[in-house]
Amino acid sequence: MRSHFKHGSPQGQAATTEVLDAFSIAGPADYCLERLGQLYDMGVRRFQLMGPGVGARPHSSQTGAPVS
């Protein structure tokens, strides 16, 4: 359990795009805010927010593209 949130961990490698889309909101800030707003409009009032995993490069996504 100590390395689940470590960048490049086997657990992280298993998180496919399909898994991320089904169970999380990830991407550019505008997209994330839009999705959170949609969930709020549907009545969701509690969210758990997490930053990048340990060892992730600052200010970049998993693919290395700049985060807006």
N, C-alpha and C. Protein backbone atom coordinates (compact mmCIF):
# COMPACT_ATOMS: atom_id res chain seq x y z
N MET A 1 0.81 -1.21 0.00
CA MET A 1 0.00 0.00 0.00
C MET A 1 0.85 1.26 0.00
N ARG A 2 2.12 1.16 0.25
CA ARG A 2 2.94 2.36 0.35
C ARG A 2 3.26 2.99 -0.99
N SER A 3 3.16 2.24 -2.06
CA SER A 3 3.57 2.81 -3.35
C SER A 3 2.43 3.02 -4.33
N HIS A 4 1.19 2.90 -3.88
CA HIS A 4 0.06 3.05 -4.80
C HIS A 4 0.03 4.42 -5.48
N PHE A 5 0.43 5.45 -4.77
CA PHE A 5 0.36 6.79 -5.34
C PHE A 5 1.71 7.27 -5.85
N LYS A 6 2.68 6.38 -5.94
CA LYS A 6 4.00 6.74 -6.44
C LYS A 6 3.97 6.72 -7.97
N HIS A 7 4.48 7.78 -8.56
CA HIS A 7 4.50 7.89 -10.02
C HIS A 7 5.24 6.70 -10.63
N GLY A 8 4.61 6.02 -11.59
CA GLY A 8 5.22 4.89 -12.27
C GLY A 8 5.03 3.56 -11.56
N SER A 9 4.24 3.53 -10.47
CA SER A 9 4.03 2.28 -9.74
C SER A 9 3.23 1.30 -10.60
N PRO A 10 3.34 -0.02 -10.32
CA PRO A 10 2.55 -1.00 -11.08
C PRO A 10 1.05 -0.71 -10.99
N GLN A 11 0.60 -0.25 -9.84
CA GLN A 11 -0.82 0.06 -9.67
C GLN A 11 -1.22 1.23 -10.58
N GLY A 12 -0.36 2.22 -10.66
CA GLY A 12 -0.63 3.36 -11.53
C GLY A 12 -0.62 2.99 -13.00
N GLN A 13 0.26 2.07 -13.36
CA GLN A 13 0.32 1.62 -14.75
C GLN A 13 -0.95 0.88 -15.16
N ALA A 14 -1.62 0.27 -14.19
CA ALA A 14 -2.86 -0.47 -14.47
C ALA A 14 -4.06 0.45 -14.66
N ALA A 15 -3.92 1.71 -14.30
CA ALA A 15 -5.02 2.66 -14.43
C ALA A 15 -5.11 3.13 -15.87
N THR A 16 -5.90 2.44 -16.65
CA THR A 16 -6.07 2.78 -18.07
C THR A 16 -6.95 4.02 -18.22
N THR A 17 -7.00 4.56 -19.40
CA THR A 17 -7.86 5.71 -19.67
C THR A 17 -9.31 5.38 -19.35
N GLU A 18 -9.74 4.16 -19.67
CA GLU A 18 -11.11 3.75 -19.39
C GLU A 18 -11.40 3.76 -17.90
N VAL A 19 -10.45 3.25 -17.09
CA VAL A 19 -10.62 3.24 -15.63
C VAL A 19 -10.67 4.67 -15.10
N LEU A 20 -9.75 5.51 -15.56
CA LEU A 20 -9.74 6.90 -15.11
C LEU A 20 -11.04 7.61 -15.46
N ASP A 21 -11.54 7.41 -16.68
CA ASP A 21 -12.79 8.05 -17.09
C ASP A 21 -13.98 7.57 -16.27
N ALA A 22 -13.97 6.30 -15.87
CA ALA A 22 -15.10 5.73 -15.13
C ALA A 22 -15.10 6.14 -13.66
N PHE A 23 -13.92 6.33 -13.07
CA PHE A 23 -13.86 6.51 -11.63
C PHE A 23 -13.20 7.80 -11.16
N SER A 24 -12.86 8.69 -12.09
CA SER A 24 -12.20 9.92 -11.67
C SER A 24 -12.47 11.04 -12.68
N ILE A 25 -12.01 12.20 -12.30
CA ILE A 25 -12.01 13.35 -13.21
C ILE A 25 -10.55 13.77 -13.32
N ALA A 26 -10.00 13.70 -14.50
CA ALA A 26 -8.60 14.06 -14.71
C ALA A 26 -8.46 14.77 -16.03
N GLY A 27 -7.59 15.76 -16.08
CA GLY A 27 -7.35 16.48 -17.31
C GLY A 27 -7.11 17.95 -17.05
N PRO A 28 -7.25 18.75 -18.08
CA PRO A 28 -7.05 20.20 -17.93
C PRO A 28 -8.04 20.79 -16.93
N ALA A 29 -7.64 21.87 -16.30
CA ALA A 29 -8.46 22.51 -15.26
C ALA A 29 -9.87 22.83 -15.75
N ASP A 30 -10.01 23.37 -16.95
CA ASP A 30 -11.34 23.73 -17.46
C ASP A 30 -12.25 22.51 -17.54
N TYR A 31 -11.71 21.39 -18.02
CA TYR A 31 -12.50 20.16 -18.11
C TYR A 31 -12.90 19.67 -16.72
N CYS A 32 -11.95 19.68 -15.79
CA CYS A 32 -12.24 19.20 -14.43
C CYS A 32 -13.32 20.06 -13.77
N LEU A 33 -13.22 21.37 -13.92
CA LEU A 33 -14.23 22.26 -13.34
C LEU A 33 -15.60 22.03 -13.96
N GLU A 34 -15.64 21.81 -15.26
CA GLU A 34 -16.90 21.54 -15.94
C GLU A 34 -17.54 20.26 -15.40
N ARG A 35 -16.75 19.18 -15.28
CA ARG A 35 -17.27 17.90 -14.77
C ARG A 35 -17.73 18.02 -13.32
N LEU A 36 -16.96 18.72 -12.48
CA LEU A 36 -17.35 18.92 -11.09
C LEU A 36 -18.66 19.70 -11.02
N GLY A 37 -18.80 20.70 -11.88
CA GLY A 37 -20.05 21.47 -11.93
C GLY A 37 -21.23 20.61 -12.34
N GLN A 38 -21.04 19.71 -13.30
CA GLN A 38 -22.11 18.81 -13.72
C GLN A 38 -22.53 17.89 -12.57
N LEU A 39 -21.55 17.36 -11.86
CA LEU A 39 -21.87 16.49 -10.72
C LEU A 39 -22.58 17.28 -9.62
N TYR A 40 -22.14 18.51 -9.38
CA TYR A 40 -22.79 19.35 -8.38
C TYR A 40 -24.25 19.60 -8.76
N ASP A 41 -24.48 19.89 -10.04
CA ASP A 41 -25.85 20.12 -10.52
C ASP A 41 -26.73 18.89 -10.36
N MET A 42 -26.11 17.69 -10.35
CA MET A 42 -26.85 16.44 -10.15
C MET A 42 -27.06 16.13 -8.67
N GLY A 43 -26.52 16.97 -7.78
CA GLY A 43 -26.73 16.78 -6.36
C GLY A 43 -25.54 16.27 -5.57
N VAL A 44 -24.43 16.00 -6.23
CA VAL A 44 -23.24 15.55 -5.50
C VAL A 44 -22.69 16.74 -4.72
N ARG A 45 -22.44 16.54 -3.43
CA ARG A 45 -21.96 17.63 -2.58
C ARG A 45 -20.63 17.33 -1.90
N ARG A 46 -20.11 16.15 -2.09
CA ARG A 46 -18.82 15.80 -1.48
C ARG A 46 -17.88 15.27 -2.56
N PHE A 47 -16.69 15.84 -2.56
CA PHE A 47 -15.67 15.46 -3.52
C PHE A 47 -14.37 15.20 -2.78
N GLN A 48 -13.60 14.26 -3.25
CA GLN A 48 -12.26 14.03 -2.72
C GLN A 48 -11.27 14.44 -3.79
N LEU A 49 -10.47 15.44 -3.49
CA LEU A 49 -9.52 15.97 -4.46
C LEU A 49 -8.11 15.51 -4.09
N MET A 50 -7.37 15.08 -5.08
CA MET A 50 -6.00 14.62 -4.87
C MET A 50 -5.10 15.25 -5.92
N GLY A 51 -3.89 15.54 -5.52
CA GLY A 51 -2.90 16.08 -6.44
C GLY A 51 -2.13 14.95 -7.10
N PRO A 52 -1.06 15.30 -7.78
CA PRO A 52 -0.25 14.28 -8.44
C PRO A 52 0.41 13.35 -7.43
N GLY A 53 0.74 12.16 -7.88
CA GLY A 53 1.39 11.17 -7.02
C GLY A 53 2.82 11.55 -6.70
N VAL A 54 3.39 10.88 -5.72
CA VAL A 54 4.77 11.09 -5.31
C VAL A 54 5.69 10.79 -6.49
N GLY A 55 6.56 11.70 -6.81
CA GLY A 55 7.52 11.50 -7.89
C GLY A 55 7.05 12.02 -9.23
N ALA A 56 5.81 12.49 -9.33
CA ALA A 56 5.32 13.04 -10.59
C ALA A 56 6.01 14.37 -10.86
N ARG A 57 6.24 14.65 -12.12
CA ARG A 57 6.86 15.93 -12.48
C ARG A 57 5.89 17.06 -12.21
N PRO A 58 6.35 18.14 -11.57
CA PRO A 58 5.45 19.27 -11.30
C PRO A 58 4.94 19.89 -12.60
N HIS A 59 3.71 20.32 -12.56
CA HIS A 59 3.11 21.07 -13.67
C HIS A 59 3.04 20.29 -14.97
N SER A 60 2.94 18.97 -14.88
CA SER A 60 2.78 18.19 -16.11
C SER A 60 1.84 17.02 -15.87
N SER A 61 1.25 16.56 -16.92
CA SER A 61 0.38 15.41 -16.84
C SER A 61 1.23 14.16 -17.01
N GLN A 62 0.60 13.01 -16.98
CA GLN A 62 1.32 11.75 -17.13
C GLN A 62 2.03 11.69 -18.48
N THR A 63 1.47 12.35 -19.48
CA THR A 63 2.07 12.32 -20.82
C THR A 63 3.14 13.39 -21.00
N GLY A 64 3.28 14.26 -20.03
CA GLY A 64 4.28 15.31 -20.12
C GLY A 64 3.76 16.60 -20.73
N ALA A 65 2.48 16.61 -21.13
CA ALA A 65 1.91 17.83 -21.70
C ALA A 65 1.65 18.84 -20.58
N PRO A 66 1.82 20.13 -20.84
CA PRO A 66 1.56 21.14 -19.81
C PRO A 66 0.11 21.09 -19.35
N VAL A 67 -0.09 21.32 -18.09
CA VAL A 67 -1.44 21.36 -17.51
C VAL A 67 -1.90 22.79 -17.50
N SER A 68 -3.11 23.07 -18.03
CA SER A 68 -3.60 24.44 -18.03
C SER A 68 -4.25 24.76 -16.72
